[in-house]
Amino acid sequence: DIDAYLHTNWQSYVGFCMEAFYDNVLKNQFSGAMGKCLESFE
C-alpha cells in the first residue's frame, strides 16, 4: 500500500473505500447501490 515516499499510496486509499463500500453491501447496508455504475468519485 505504500509508495516511494514511504506513506500510503493515494490509490490504496481509494481501494480502502471500495472495500468498505462492498463490506456494507454484503451486510445489506448499501443494497440500493448494488449493481449500479459509478458516476463520480472524489
PDB file of all heavy atoms in Angstrom:
ATOM      1  N   ASP A   1       0.805  -1.219   0.000  1.00  0.00           N
ATOM      2  CA  ASP A   1       0.000   0.000   0.000  1.00  0.00           C
ATOM      3  C   ASP A   1       0.841   1.273   0.000  1.00  0.00           C
ATOM      4  O   ASP A   1       0.298   2.361  -0.191  1.00  0.00           O
ATOM      5  CB  ASP A   1      -0.924   0.036   1.225  1.00  0.00           C
ATOM      6  CG  ASP A   1      -1.983  -1.038   1.190  1.00  0.00           C
ATOM      7  OD1 ASP A   1      -2.542  -1.277   0.112  1.00  0.00           O
ATOM      8  OD2 ASP A   1      -2.241  -1.647   2.247  1.00  0.00           O
ATOM      9  N   ILE A   2       2.150   1.156   0.247  1.00  0.00           N
ATOM     10  CA  ILE A   2       2.959   2.367   0.360  1.00  0.00           C
ATOM     11  C   ILE A   2       3.669   2.663  -0.963  1.00  0.00           C
ATOM     12  O   ILE A   2       3.805   1.801  -1.823  1.00  0.00           O
ATOM     13  CB  ILE A   2       3.982   2.262   1.508  1.00  0.00           C
ATOM     14  CG1 ILE A   2       4.976   1.121   1.256  1.00  0.00           C
ATOM     15  CG2 ILE A   2       3.278   2.081   2.836  1.00  0.00           C
ATOM     16  CD1 ILE A   2       6.107   1.073   2.268  1.00  0.00           C
ATOM     17  N   ASP A   3       4.106   3.906  -1.100  1.00  0.00           N
ATOM     18  CA  ASP A   3       4.781   4.322  -2.325  1.00  0.00           C
ATOM     19  C   ASP A   3       6.231   4.692  -2.034  1.00  0.00           C
ATOM     20  O   ASP A   3       6.768   4.388  -0.963  1.00  0.00           O
ATOM     21  CB  ASP A   3       4.024   5.481  -2.979  1.00  0.00           C
ATOM     22  CG  ASP A   3       3.875   6.689  -2.058  1.00  0.00           C
ATOM     23  OD1 ASP A   3       4.665   6.813  -1.089  1.00  0.00           O
ATOM     24  OD2 ASP A   3       2.989   7.520  -2.311  1.00  0.00           O
ATOM     25  N   ALA A   4       6.859   5.376  -2.980  1.00  0.00           N
ATOM     26  CA  ALA A   4       8.283   5.714  -2.840  1.00  0.00           C
ATOM     27  C   ALA A   4       8.545   6.671  -1.692  1.00  0.00           C
ATOM     28  O   ALA A   4       9.673   6.752  -1.198  1.00  0.00           O
ATOM     29  CB  ALA A   4       8.799   6.314  -4.153  1.00  0.00           C
ATOM     30  N   TYR A   5       7.516   7.394  -1.251  1.00  0.00           N
ATOM     31  CA  TYR A   5       7.667   8.325  -0.136  1.00  0.00           C
ATOM     32  C   TYR A   5       7.435   7.651   1.217  1.00  0.00           C
ATOM     33  O   TYR A   5       7.398   8.304   2.253  1.00  0.00           O
ATOM     34  CB  TYR A   5       6.703   9.504  -0.282  1.00  0.00           C
ATOM     35  CG  TYR A   5       6.944  10.346  -1.510  1.00  0.00           C
ATOM     36  CD1 TYR A   5       5.909  11.073  -2.092  1.00  0.00           C
ATOM     37  CD2 TYR A   5       8.208  10.430  -2.100  1.00  0.00           C
ATOM     38  CE1 TYR A   5       6.124  11.859  -3.216  1.00  0.00           C
ATOM     39  CE2 TYR A   5       8.431  11.211  -3.226  1.00  0.00           C
ATOM     40  CZ  TYR A   5       7.386  11.926  -3.782  1.00  0.00           C
ATOM     41  OH  TYR A   5       7.602  12.700  -4.894  1.00  0.00           O
ATOM     42  N   LEU A   6       7.219   6.336   1.191  1.00  0.00           N
ATOM     43  CA  LEU A   6       7.006   5.529   2.396  1.00  0.00           C
ATOM     44  C   LEU A   6       5.750   5.926   3.154  1.00  0.00           C
ATOM     45  O   LEU A   6       5.679   5.778   4.374  1.00  0.00           O
ATOM     46  CB  LEU A   6       8.236   5.592   3.319  1.00  0.00           C
ATOM     47  CG  LEU A   6       9.547   5.082   2.701  1.00  0.00           C
ATOM     48  CD1 LEU A   6      10.681   5.175   3.725  1.00  0.00           C
ATOM     49  CD2 LEU A   6       9.402   3.651   2.194  1.00  0.00           C
ATOM     50  N   HIS A   7       4.764   6.449   2.430  1.00  0.00           N
ATOM     51  CA  HIS A   7       3.447   6.637   3.030  1.00  0.00           C
ATOM     52  C   HIS A   7       2.405   5.981   2.126  1.00  0.00           C
ATOM     53  O   HIS A   7       2.710   5.556   1.011  1.00  0.00           O
ATOM     54  CB  HIS A   7       3.138   8.115   3.292  1.00  0.00           C
ATOM     55  CG  HIS A   7       3.007   8.959   2.055  1.00  0.00           C
ATOM     56  ND1 HIS A   7       2.907  10.321   2.090  1.00  0.00           N
ATOM     57  CD2 HIS A   7       2.961   8.632   0.732  1.00  0.00           C
ATOM     58  CE1 HIS A   7       2.784  10.797   0.864  1.00  0.00           C
ATOM     59  NE2 HIS A   7       2.814   9.799   0.026  1.00  0.00           N
ATOM     60  N   THR A   8       1.192   5.885   2.627  1.00  0.00           N
ATOM     61  CA  THR A   8       0.151   5.162   1.909  1.00  0.00           C
ATOM     62  C   THR A   8      -0.135   5.819   0.562  1.00  0.00           C
ATOM     63  O   THR A   8      -0.370   7.024   0.481  1.00  0.00           O
ATOM     64  CB  THR A   8      -1.138   5.107   2.749  1.00  0.00           C
ATOM     65  OG1 THR A   8      -0.828   4.564   4.032  1.00  0.00           O
ATOM     66  CG2 THR A   8      -2.188   4.239   2.080  1.00  0.00           C
ATOM     67  N   ASN A   9      -0.114   5.010  -0.475  1.00  0.00           N
ATOM     68  CA  ASN A   9      -0.388   5.482  -1.823  1.00  0.00           C
ATOM     69  C   ASN A   9      -1.831   5.962  -1.929  1.00  0.00           C
ATOM     70  O   ASN A   9      -2.743   5.372  -1.347  1.00  0.00           O
ATOM     71  CB  ASN A   9      -0.136   4.330  -2.809  1.00  0.00           C
ATOM     72  CG  ASN A   9      -0.246   4.749  -4.252  1.00  0.00           C
ATOM     73  OD1 ASN A   9      -1.316   5.074  -4.734  1.00  0.00           O
ATOM     74  ND2 ASN A   9       0.872   4.732  -4.943  1.00  0.00           N
ATOM     75  N   TRP A  10      -2.046   7.024  -2.697  1.00  0.00           N
ATOM     76  CA  TRP A  10      -3.399   7.576  -2.808  1.00  0.00           C
ATOM     77  C   TRP A  10      -4.376   6.575  -3.399  1.00  0.00           C
ATOM     78  O   TRP A  10      -5.558   6.551  -3.039  1.00  0.00           O
ATOM     79  CB  TRP A  10      -3.376   8.858  -3.641  1.00  0.00           C
ATOM     80  CG  TRP A  10      -3.109   8.685  -5.100  1.00  0.00           C
ATOM     81  CD1 TRP A  10      -1.899   8.541  -5.709  1.00  0.00           C
ATOM     82  CD2 TRP A  10      -4.081   8.628  -6.152  1.00  0.00           C
ATOM     83  NE1 TRP A  10      -2.045   8.401  -7.059  1.00  0.00           N
ATOM     84  CE2 TRP A  10      -3.385   8.459  -7.369  1.00  0.00           C
ATOM     85  CE3 TRP A  10      -5.474   8.716  -6.197  1.00  0.00           C
ATOM     86  CZ2 TRP A  10      -4.019   8.364  -8.598  1.00  0.00           C
ATOM     87  CZ3 TRP A  10      -6.106   8.621  -7.425  1.00  0.00           C
ATOM     88  CH2 TRP A  10      -5.395   8.451  -8.601  1.00  0.00           C
ATOM     89  N   GLN A  11      -3.884   5.718  -4.291  1.00  0.00           N
ATOM     90  CA  GLN A  11      -4.770   4.719  -4.888  1.00  0.00           C
ATOM     91  C   GLN A  11      -5.186   3.665  -3.873  1.00  0.00           C
ATOM     92  O   GLN A  11      -6.281   3.102  -3.973  1.00  0.00           O
ATOM     93  CB  GLN A  11      -4.076   4.073  -6.081  1.00  0.00           C
ATOM     94  CG  GLN A  11      -3.844   5.027  -7.241  1.00  0.00           C
ATOM     95  CD  GLN A  11      -2.993   4.415  -8.339  1.00  0.00           C
ATOM     96  OE1 GLN A  11      -2.026   3.704  -8.066  1.00  0.00           O
ATOM     97  NE2 GLN A  11      -3.348   4.681  -9.573  1.00  0.00           N
ATOM     98  N   SER A  12      -4.325   3.407  -2.888  1.00  0.00           N
ATOM     99  CA  SER A  12      -4.690   2.448  -1.841  1.00  0.00           C
ATOM    100  C   SER A  12      -5.846   2.974  -1.004  1.00  0.00           C
ATOM    101  O   SER A  12      -6.715   2.208  -0.587  1.00  0.00           O
ATOM    102  CB  SER A  12      -3.475   2.148  -0.955  1.00  0.00           C
ATOM    103  OG  SER A  12      -2.468   1.470  -1.685  1.00  0.00           O
ATOM    104  N   TYR A  13      -5.860   4.289  -0.773  1.00  0.00           N
ATOM    105  CA  TYR A  13      -6.983   4.869  -0.037  1.00  0.00           C
ATOM    106  C   TYR A  13      -8.293   4.657  -0.798  1.00  0.00           C
ATOM    107  O   TYR A  13      -9.338   4.366  -0.192  1.00  0.00           O
ATOM    108  CB  TYR A  13      -6.760   6.370   0.183  1.00  0.00           C
ATOM    109  CG  TYR A  13      -5.793   6.703   1.293  1.00  0.00           C
ATOM    110  CD1 TYR A  13      -4.619   7.392   1.025  1.00  0.00           C
ATOM    111  CD2 TYR A  13      -6.056   6.346   2.609  1.00  0.00           C
ATOM    112  CE1 TYR A  13      -3.733   7.726   2.039  1.00  0.00           C
ATOM    113  CE2 TYR A  13      -5.185   6.669   3.634  1.00  0.00           C
ATOM    114  CZ  TYR A  13      -4.021   7.358   3.340  1.00  0.00           C
ATOM    115  OH  TYR A  13      -3.140   7.675   4.350  1.00  0.00           O
ATOM    116  N   VAL A  14      -8.239   4.812  -2.117  1.00  0.00           N
ATOM    117  CA  VAL A  14      -9.433   4.543  -2.926  1.00  0.00           C
ATOM    118  C   VAL A  14      -9.857   3.088  -2.746  1.00  0.00           C
ATOM    119  O   VAL A  14     -11.050   2.778  -2.601  1.00  0.00           O
ATOM    120  CB  VAL A  14      -9.167   4.848  -4.406  1.00  0.00           C
ATOM    121  CG1 VAL A  14     -10.393   4.488  -5.260  1.00  0.00           C
ATOM    122  CG2 VAL A  14      -8.808   6.321  -4.600  1.00  0.00           C
ATOM    123  N   GLY A  15      -8.881   2.177  -2.752  1.00  0.00           N
ATOM    124  CA  GLY A  15      -9.177   0.758  -2.538  1.00  0.00           C
ATOM    125  C   GLY A  15      -9.802   0.499  -1.177  1.00  0.00           C
ATOM    126  O   GLY A  15     -10.734  -0.320  -1.061  1.00  0.00           O
ATOM    127  N   PHE A  16      -9.329   1.180  -0.148  1.00  0.00           N
ATOM    128  CA  PHE A  16      -9.908   1.020   1.191  1.00  0.00           C
ATOM    129  C   PHE A  16     -11.381   1.448   1.191  1.00  0.00           C
ATOM    130  O   PHE A  16     -12.227   0.818   1.837  1.00  0.00           O
ATOM    131  CB  PHE A  16      -9.132   1.848   2.223  1.00  0.00           C
ATOM    132  CG  PHE A  16      -7.693   1.439   2.398  1.00  0.00           C
ATOM    133  CD1 PHE A  16      -6.750   2.355   2.822  1.00  0.00           C
ATOM    134  CD2 PHE A  16      -7.280   0.138   2.142  1.00  0.00           C
ATOM    135  CE1 PHE A  16      -5.420   1.992   2.991  1.00  0.00           C
ATOM    136  CE2 PHE A  16      -5.954  -0.240   2.307  1.00  0.00           C
ATOM    137  CZ  PHE A  16      -5.022   0.691   2.725  1.00  0.00           C
ATOM    138  N   CYS A  17     -11.674   2.539   0.483  1.00  0.00           N
ATOM    139  CA  CYS A  17     -13.061   2.999   0.399  1.00  0.00           C
ATOM    140  C   CYS A  17     -13.932   1.961  -0.303  1.00  0.00           C
ATOM    141  O   CYS A  17     -15.063   1.680   0.129  1.00  0.00           O
ATOM    142  CB  CYS A  17     -13.133   4.328  -0.356  1.00  0.00           C
ATOM    143  SG  CYS A  17     -12.435   5.736   0.529  1.00  0.00           S
ATOM    144  N   MET A  18     -13.419   1.380  -1.369  1.00  0.00           N
ATOM    145  CA  MET A  18     -14.194   0.383  -2.099  1.00  0.00           C
ATOM    146  C   MET A  18     -14.402  -0.872  -1.260  1.00  0.00           C
ATOM    147  O   MET A  18     -15.481  -1.489  -1.297  1.00  0.00           O
ATOM    148  CB  MET A  18     -13.495   0.033  -3.415  1.00  0.00           C
ATOM    149  CG  MET A  18     -13.364   1.203  -4.387  1.00  0.00           C
ATOM    150  SD  MET A  18     -14.946   2.027  -4.726  1.00  0.00           S
ATOM    151  CE  MET A  18     -15.834   0.704  -5.557  1.00  0.00           C
ATOM    152  N   GLU A  19     -13.395  -1.262  -0.492  1.00  0.00           N
ATOM    153  CA  GLU A  19     -13.555  -2.415   0.400  1.00  0.00           C
ATOM    154  C   GLU A  19     -14.631  -2.145   1.442  1.00  0.00           C
ATOM    155  O   GLU A  19     -15.456  -3.019   1.750  1.00  0.00           O
ATOM    156  CB  GLU A  19     -12.223  -2.731   1.074  1.00  0.00           C
ATOM    157  CG  GLU A  19     -11.170  -3.302   0.126  1.00  0.00           C
ATOM    158  CD  GLU A  19      -9.814  -3.426   0.791  1.00  0.00           C
ATOM    159  OE1 GLU A  19      -9.720  -3.148   2.006  1.00  0.00           O
ATOM    160  OE2 GLU A  19      -8.843  -3.791   0.095  1.00  0.00           O
ATOM    161  N   ALA A  20     -14.627  -0.934   1.996  1.00  0.00           N
ATOM    162  CA  ALA A  20     -15.653  -0.577   2.974  1.00  0.00           C
ATOM    163  C   ALA A  20     -17.030  -0.550   2.335  1.00  0.00           C
ATOM    164  O   ALA A  20     -18.027  -0.978   2.941  1.00  0.00           O
ATOM    165  CB  ALA A  20     -15.327   0.790   3.587  1.00  0.00           C
ATOM    166  N   PHE A  21     -17.104  -0.049   1.097  1.00  0.00           N
ATOM    167  CA  PHE A  21     -18.377   0.005   0.392  1.00  0.00           C
ATOM    168  C   PHE A  21     -18.959  -1.394   0.217  1.00  0.00           C
ATOM    169  O   PHE A  21     -20.132  -1.649   0.533  1.00  0.00           O
ATOM    170  CB  PHE A  21     -18.195   0.690  -0.959  1.00  0.00           C
ATOM    171  CG  PHE A  21     -19.376   0.550  -1.877  1.00  0.00           C
ATOM    172  CD1 PHE A  21     -20.539   1.253  -1.635  1.00  0.00           C
ATOM    173  CD2 PHE A  21     -19.320  -0.281  -2.979  1.00  0.00           C
ATOM    174  CE1 PHE A  21     -21.638   1.125  -2.481  1.00  0.00           C
ATOM    175  CE2 PHE A  21     -20.405  -0.421  -3.825  1.00  0.00           C
ATOM    176  CZ  PHE A  21     -21.569   0.294  -3.579  1.00  0.00           C
ATOM    177  N   TYR A  22     -18.157  -2.337  -0.291  1.00  0.00           N
ATOM    178  CA  TYR A  22     -18.677  -3.679  -0.542  1.00  0.00           C
ATOM    179  C   TYR A  22     -18.899  -4.453   0.757  1.00  0.00           C
ATOM    180  O   TYR A  22     -19.749  -5.348   0.806  1.00  0.00           O
ATOM    181  CB  TYR A  22     -17.752  -4.440  -1.487  1.00  0.00           C
ATOM    182  CG  TYR A  22     -17.926  -3.981  -2.920  1.00  0.00           C
ATOM    183  CD1 TYR A  22     -16.953  -3.210  -3.550  1.00  0.00           C
ATOM    184  CD2 TYR A  22     -19.091  -4.277  -3.625  1.00  0.00           C
ATOM    185  CE1 TYR A  22     -17.130  -2.765  -4.855  1.00  0.00           C
ATOM    186  CE2 TYR A  22     -19.268  -3.840  -4.918  1.00  0.00           C
ATOM    187  CZ  TYR A  22     -18.293  -3.080  -5.530  1.00  0.00           C
ATOM    188  OH  TYR A  22     -18.476  -2.630  -6.816  1.00  0.00           O
ATOM    189  N   ASP A  23     -18.182  -4.102   1.799  1.00  0.00           N
ATOM    190  CA  ASP A  23     -18.466  -4.680   3.104  1.00  0.00           C
ATOM    191  C   ASP A  23     -19.861  -4.265   3.560  1.00  0.00           C
ATOM    192  O   ASP A  23     -20.615  -5.063   4.126  1.00  0.00           O
ATOM    193  CB  ASP A  23     -17.409  -4.227   4.116  1.00  0.00           C
ATOM    194  CG  ASP A  23     -17.540  -4.933   5.459  1.00  0.00           C
ATOM    195  OD1 ASP A  23     -17.510  -6.184   5.483  1.00  0.00           O
ATOM    196  OD2 ASP A  23     -17.669  -4.244   6.489  1.00  0.00           O
ATOM    197  N   ASN A  24     -20.199  -3.012   3.275  1.00  0.00           N
ATOM    198  CA  ASN A  24     -21.549  -2.524   3.561  1.00  0.00           C
ATOM    199  C   ASN A  24     -22.591  -3.248   2.723  1.00  0.00           C
ATOM    200  O   ASN A  24     -23.657  -3.631   3.216  1.00  0.00           O
ATOM    201  CB  ASN A  24     -21.633  -1.022   3.273  1.00  0.00           C
ATOM    202  CG  ASN A  24     -21.320  -0.179   4.487  1.00  0.00           C
ATOM    203  OD1 ASN A  24     -21.903  -0.359   5.544  1.00  0.00           O
ATOM    204  ND2 ASN A  24     -20.377   0.735   4.341  1.00  0.00           N
ATOM    205  N   VAL A  25     -22.291  -3.411   1.432  1.00  0.00           N
ATOM    206  CA  VAL A  25     -23.242  -4.064   0.526  1.00  0.00           C
ATOM    207  C   VAL A  25     -23.531  -5.485   0.996  1.00  0.00           C
ATOM    208  O   VAL A  25     -24.690  -5.931   1.025  1.00  0.00           O
ATOM    209  CB  VAL A  25     -22.693  -4.067  -0.916  1.00  0.00           C
ATOM    210  CG1 VAL A  25     -23.544  -4.974  -1.811  1.00  0.00           C
ATOM    211  CG2 VAL A  25     -22.671  -2.644  -1.479  1.00  0.00           C
ATOM    212  N   LEU A  26     -22.489  -6.213   1.370  1.00  0.00           N
ATOM    213  CA  LEU A  26     -22.671  -7.595   1.811  1.00  0.00           C
ATOM    214  C   LEU A  26     -23.474  -7.673   3.107  1.00  0.00           C
ATOM    215  O   LEU A  26     -24.099  -8.696   3.395  1.00  0.00           O
ATOM    216  CB  LEU A  26     -21.306  -8.263   2.003  1.00  0.00           C
ATOM    217  CG  LEU A  26     -20.509  -8.505   0.705  1.00  0.00           C
ATOM    218  CD1 LEU A  26     -19.118  -9.033   1.026  1.00  0.00           C
ATOM    219  CD2 LEU A  26     -21.246  -9.478  -0.210  1.00  0.00           C
ATOM    220  N   LYS A  27     -23.463  -6.597   3.855  1.00  0.00           N
ATOM    221  CA  LYS A  27     -24.237  -6.550   5.098  1.00  0.00           C
ATOM    222  C   LYS A  27     -25.574  -5.837   4.899  1.00  0.00           C
ATOM    223  O   LYS A  27     -26.228  -5.462   5.872  1.00  0.00           O
ATOM    224  CB  LYS A  27     -23.417  -5.855   6.192  1.00  0.00           C
ATOM    225  CG  LYS A  27     -22.157  -6.634   6.580  1.00  0.00           C
ATOM    226  CD  LYS A  27     -21.325  -5.887   7.608  1.00  0.00           C
ATOM    227  CE  LYS A  27     -20.080  -6.695   7.978  1.00  0.00           C
ATOM    228  NZ  LYS A  27     -19.205  -5.975   8.932  1.00  0.00           N
ATOM    229  N   ASN A  28     -25.946  -5.638   3.626  1.00  0.00           N
ATOM    230  CA  ASN A  28     -27.231  -5.023   3.259  1.00  0.00           C
ATOM    231  C   ASN A  28     -27.383  -3.593   3.771  1.00  0.00           C
ATOM    232  O   ASN A  28     -28.498  -3.123   3.992  1.00  0.00           O
ATOM    233  CB  ASN A  28     -28.398  -5.886   3.767  1.00  0.00           C
ATOM    234  CG  ASN A  28     -28.437  -7.239   3.092  1.00  0.00           C
ATOM    235  OD1 ASN A  28     -28.220  -7.350   1.889  1.00  0.00           O
ATOM    236  ND2 ASN A  28     -28.697  -8.274   3.883  1.00  0.00           N
ATOM    237  N   GLN A  29     -26.262  -2.899   3.920  1.00  0.00           N
ATOM    238  CA  GLN A  29     -26.309  -1.504   4.351  1.00  0.00           C
ATOM    239  C   GLN A  29     -26.538  -0.574   3.158  1.00  0.00           C
ATOM    240  O   GLN A  29     -27.321   0.347   3.234  1.00  0.00           O
ATOM    241  CB  GLN A  29     -24.982  -1.135   5.046  1.00  0.00           C
ATOM    242  CG  GLN A  29     -24.651  -1.997   6.249  1.00  0.00           C
ATOM    243  CD  GLN A  29     -25.262  -1.471   7.531  1.00  0.00           C
ATOM    244  OE1 GLN A  29     -25.778  -0.354   7.571  1.00  0.00           O
ATOM    245  NE2 GLN A  29     -25.205  -2.267   8.589  1.00  0.00           N
ATOM    246  N   PHE A  30     -25.820  -0.840   2.055  1.00  0.00           N
ATOM    247  CA  PHE A  30     -25.930  -0.013   0.860  1.00  0.00           C
ATOM    248  C   PHE A  30     -26.515  -0.823  -0.295  1.00  0.00           C
ATOM    249  O   PHE A  30     -26.087  -0.710  -1.442  1.00  0.00           O
ATOM    250  CB  PHE A  30     -24.548   0.523   0.446  1.00  0.00           C
ATOM    251  CG  PHE A  30     -23.934   1.492   1.416  1.00  0.00           C
ATOM    252  CD1 PHE A  30     -22.563   1.686   1.427  1.00  0.00           C
ATOM    253  CD2 PHE A  30     -24.707   2.206   2.300  1.00  0.00           C
ATOM    254  CE1 PHE A  30     -21.977   2.573   2.310  1.00  0.00           C
ATOM    255  CE2 PHE A  30     -24.143   3.091   3.194  1.00  0.00           C
ATOM    256  CZ  PHE A  30     -22.775   3.281   3.201  1.00  0.00           C
ATOM    257  N   SER A  31     -27.491  -1.639  -0.016  1.00  0.00           N
ATOM    258  CA  SER A  31     -28.023  -2.543  -1.040  1.00  0.00           C
ATOM    259  C   SER A  31     -28.598  -1.793  -2.236  1.00  0.00           C
ATOM    260  O   SER A  31     -28.623  -2.307  -3.355  1.00  0.00           O
ATOM    261  CB  SER A  31     -29.100  -3.447  -0.432  1.00  0.00           C
ATOM    262  OG  SER A  31     -30.137  -2.661   0.162  1.00  0.00           O
ATOM    263  N   GLY A  32     -29.043  -0.565  -2.043  1.00  0.00           N
ATOM    264  CA  GLY A  32     -29.617   0.199  -3.140  1.00  0.00           C
ATOM    265  C   GLY A  32     -28.608   0.572  -4.207  1.00  0.00           C
ATOM    266  O   GLY A  32     -28.975   0.888  -5.337  1.00  0.00           O
ATOM    267  N   ALA A  33     -27.308   0.550  -3.850  1.00  0.00           N
ATOM    268  CA  ALA A  33     -26.271   0.922  -4.807  1.00  0.00           C
ATOM    269  C   ALA A  33     -25.707  -0.282  -5.540  1.00  0.00           C
ATOM    270  O   ALA A  33     -24.932  -0.123  -6.483  1.00  0.00           O
ATOM    271  CB  ALA A  33     -25.140   1.663  -4.085  1.00  0.00           C
ATOM    272  N   MET A  34     -26.077  -1.475  -5.131  1.00  0.00           N
ATOM    273  CA  MET A  34     -25.510  -2.677  -5.746  1.00  0.00           C
ATOM    274  C   MET A  34     -25.916  -2.788  -7.211  1.00  0.00           C
ATOM    275  O   MET A  34     -27.084  -2.623  -7.566  1.00  0.00           O
ATOM    276  CB  MET A  34     -25.977  -3.924  -4.987  1.00  0.00           C
ATOM    277  CG  MET A  34     -25.295  -5.201  -5.422  1.00  0.00           C
ATOM    278  SD  MET A  34     -23.526  -5.144  -5.121  1.00  0.00           S
ATOM    279  CE  MET A  34     -23.044  -6.760  -5.708  1.00  0.00           C
ATOM    280  N   GLY A  35     -24.945  -3.058  -8.079  1.00  0.00           N
ATOM    281  CA  GLY A  35     -25.219  -3.246  -9.489  1.00  0.00           C
ATOM    282  C   GLY A  35     -25.297  -1.972 -10.292  1.00  0.00           C
ATOM    283  O   GLY A  35     -25.451  -2.013 -11.516  1.00  0.00           O
ATOM    284  N   LYS A  36     -25.174  -0.815  -9.664  1.00  0.00           N
ATOM    285  CA  LYS A  36     -25.212   0.456 -10.380  1.00  0.00           C
ATOM    286  C   LYS A  36     -23.812   0.851 -10.840  1.00  0.00           C
ATOM    287  O   LYS A  36     -22.810   0.479 -10.228  1.00  0.00           O
ATOM    288  CB  LYS A  36     -25.801   1.550  -9.485  1.00  0.00           C
ATOM    289  CG  LYS A  36     -27.263   1.334  -9.129  1.00  0.00           C
ATOM    290  CD  LYS A  36     -27.805   2.490  -8.298  1.00  0.00           C
ATOM    291  CE  LYS A  36     -29.278   2.300  -7.972  1.00  0.00           C
ATOM    292  NZ  LYS A  36     -29.826   3.422  -7.168  1.00  0.00           N
ATOM    293  N   CYS A  37     -23.755   1.616 -11.898  1.00  0.00           N
ATOM    294  CA  CYS A  37     -22.471   2.028 -12.467  1.00  0.00           C
ATOM    295  C   CYS A  37     -21.974   3.310 -11.787  1.00  0.00           C
ATOM    296  O   CYS A  37     -22.751   4.224 -11.497  1.00  0.00           O
ATOM    297  CB  CYS A  37     -22.611   2.275 -13.960  1.00  0.00           C
ATOM    298  SG  CYS A  37     -23.048   0.793 -14.902  1.00  0.00           S
ATOM    299  N   LEU A  38     -20.670   3.359 -11.559  1.00  0.00           N
ATOM    300  CA  LEU A  38     -20.067   4.514 -10.903  1.00  0.00           C
ATOM    301  C   LEU A  38     -20.144   5.746 -11.797  1.00  0.00           C
ATOM    302  O   LEU A  38     -19.780   5.711 -12.975  1.00  0.00           O
ATOM    303  CB  LEU A  38     -18.602   4.204 -10.559  1.00  0.00           C
ATOM    304  CG  LEU A  38     -17.843   5.280  -9.783  1.00  0.00           C
ATOM    305  CD1 LEU A  38     -18.435   5.439  -8.383  1.00  0.00           C
ATOM    306  CD2 LEU A  38     -16.367   4.929  -9.688  1.00  0.00           C
ATOM    307  N   GLU A  39     -20.613   6.843 -11.224  1.00  0.00           N
ATOM    308  CA  GLU A  39     -20.717   8.106 -11.962  1.00  0.00           C
ATOM    309  C   GLU A  39     -19.569   9.053 -11.615  1.00  0.00           C
ATOM    310  O   GLU A  39     -19.008   9.713 -12.496  1.00  0.00           O
ATOM    311  CB  GLU A  39     -22.055   8.782 -11.651  1.00  0.00           C
ATOM    312  CG  GLU A  39     -22.238  10.114 -12.354  1.00  0.00           C
ATOM    313  CD  GLU A  39     -23.584  10.753 -12.041  1.00  0.00           C
ATOM    314  OE1 GLU A  39     -24.373  10.165 -11.277  1.00  0.00           O
ATOM    315  OE2 GLU A  39     -23.846  11.857 -12.571  1.00  0.00           O
ATOM    316  N   SER A  40     -19.216   9.124 -10.340  1.00  0.00           N
ATOM    317  CA  SER A  40     -18.135  10.031  -9.940  1.00  0.00           C
ATOM    318  C   SER A  40     -17.494   9.565  -8.643  1.00  0.00           C
ATOM    319  O   SER A  40     -18.119   8.865  -7.836  1.00  0.00           O
ATOM    320  CB  SER A  40     -18.664  11.465  -9.767  1.00  0.00           C
ATOM    321  OG  SER A  40     -19.600  11.522  -8.701  1.00  0.00           O
ATOM    322  N   PHE A  41     -16.237   9.955  -8.480  1.00  0.00           N
ATOM    323  CA  PHE A  41     -15.519   9.693  -7.235  1.00  0.00           C
ATOM    324  C   PHE A  41     -14.577  10.868  -7.009  1.00  0.00           C
ATOM    325  O   PHE A  41     -13.852  11.283  -7.906  1.00  0.00           O
ATOM    326  CB  PHE A  41     -14.708   8.404  -7.313  1.00  0.00           C
ATOM    327  CG  PHE A  41     -14.044   8.016  -6.013  1.00  0.00           C
ATOM    328  CD1 PHE A  41     -14.676   7.144  -5.136  1.00  0.00           C
ATOM    329  CD2 PHE A  41     -12.808   8.533  -5.654  1.00  0.00           C
ATOM    330  CE1 PHE A  41     -14.086   6.808  -3.930  1.00  0.00           C
ATOM    331  CE2 PHE A  41     -12.210   8.205  -4.454  1.00  0.00           C
ATOM    332  CZ  PHE A  41     -12.849   7.329  -3.589  1.00  0.00           C
ATOM    333  N   GLU A  42     -14.609  11.415  -5.797  1.00  0.00           N
ATOM    334  CA  GLU A  42     -13.684  12.495  -5.468  1.00  0.00           C
ATOM    335  C   GLU A  42     -13.134  12.280  -4.066  1.00  0.00           C
ATOM    336  O   GLU A  42     -13.790  11.691  -3.203  1.00  0.00           O
ATOM    337  CB  GLU A  42     -14.348  13.867  -5.578  1.00  0.00           C
ATOM    338  CG  GLU A  42     -15.532  14.106  -4.671  1.00  0.00           C
ATOM    339  CD  GLU A  42     -16.109  15.505  -4.843  1.00  0.00           C
ATOM    340  OE1 GLU A  42     -15.309  16.463  -5.060  1.00  0.00           O
ATOM    341  OE2 GLU A  42     -17.336  15.660  -4.762  1.00  0.00           O
TER     342      GLU A  42
END
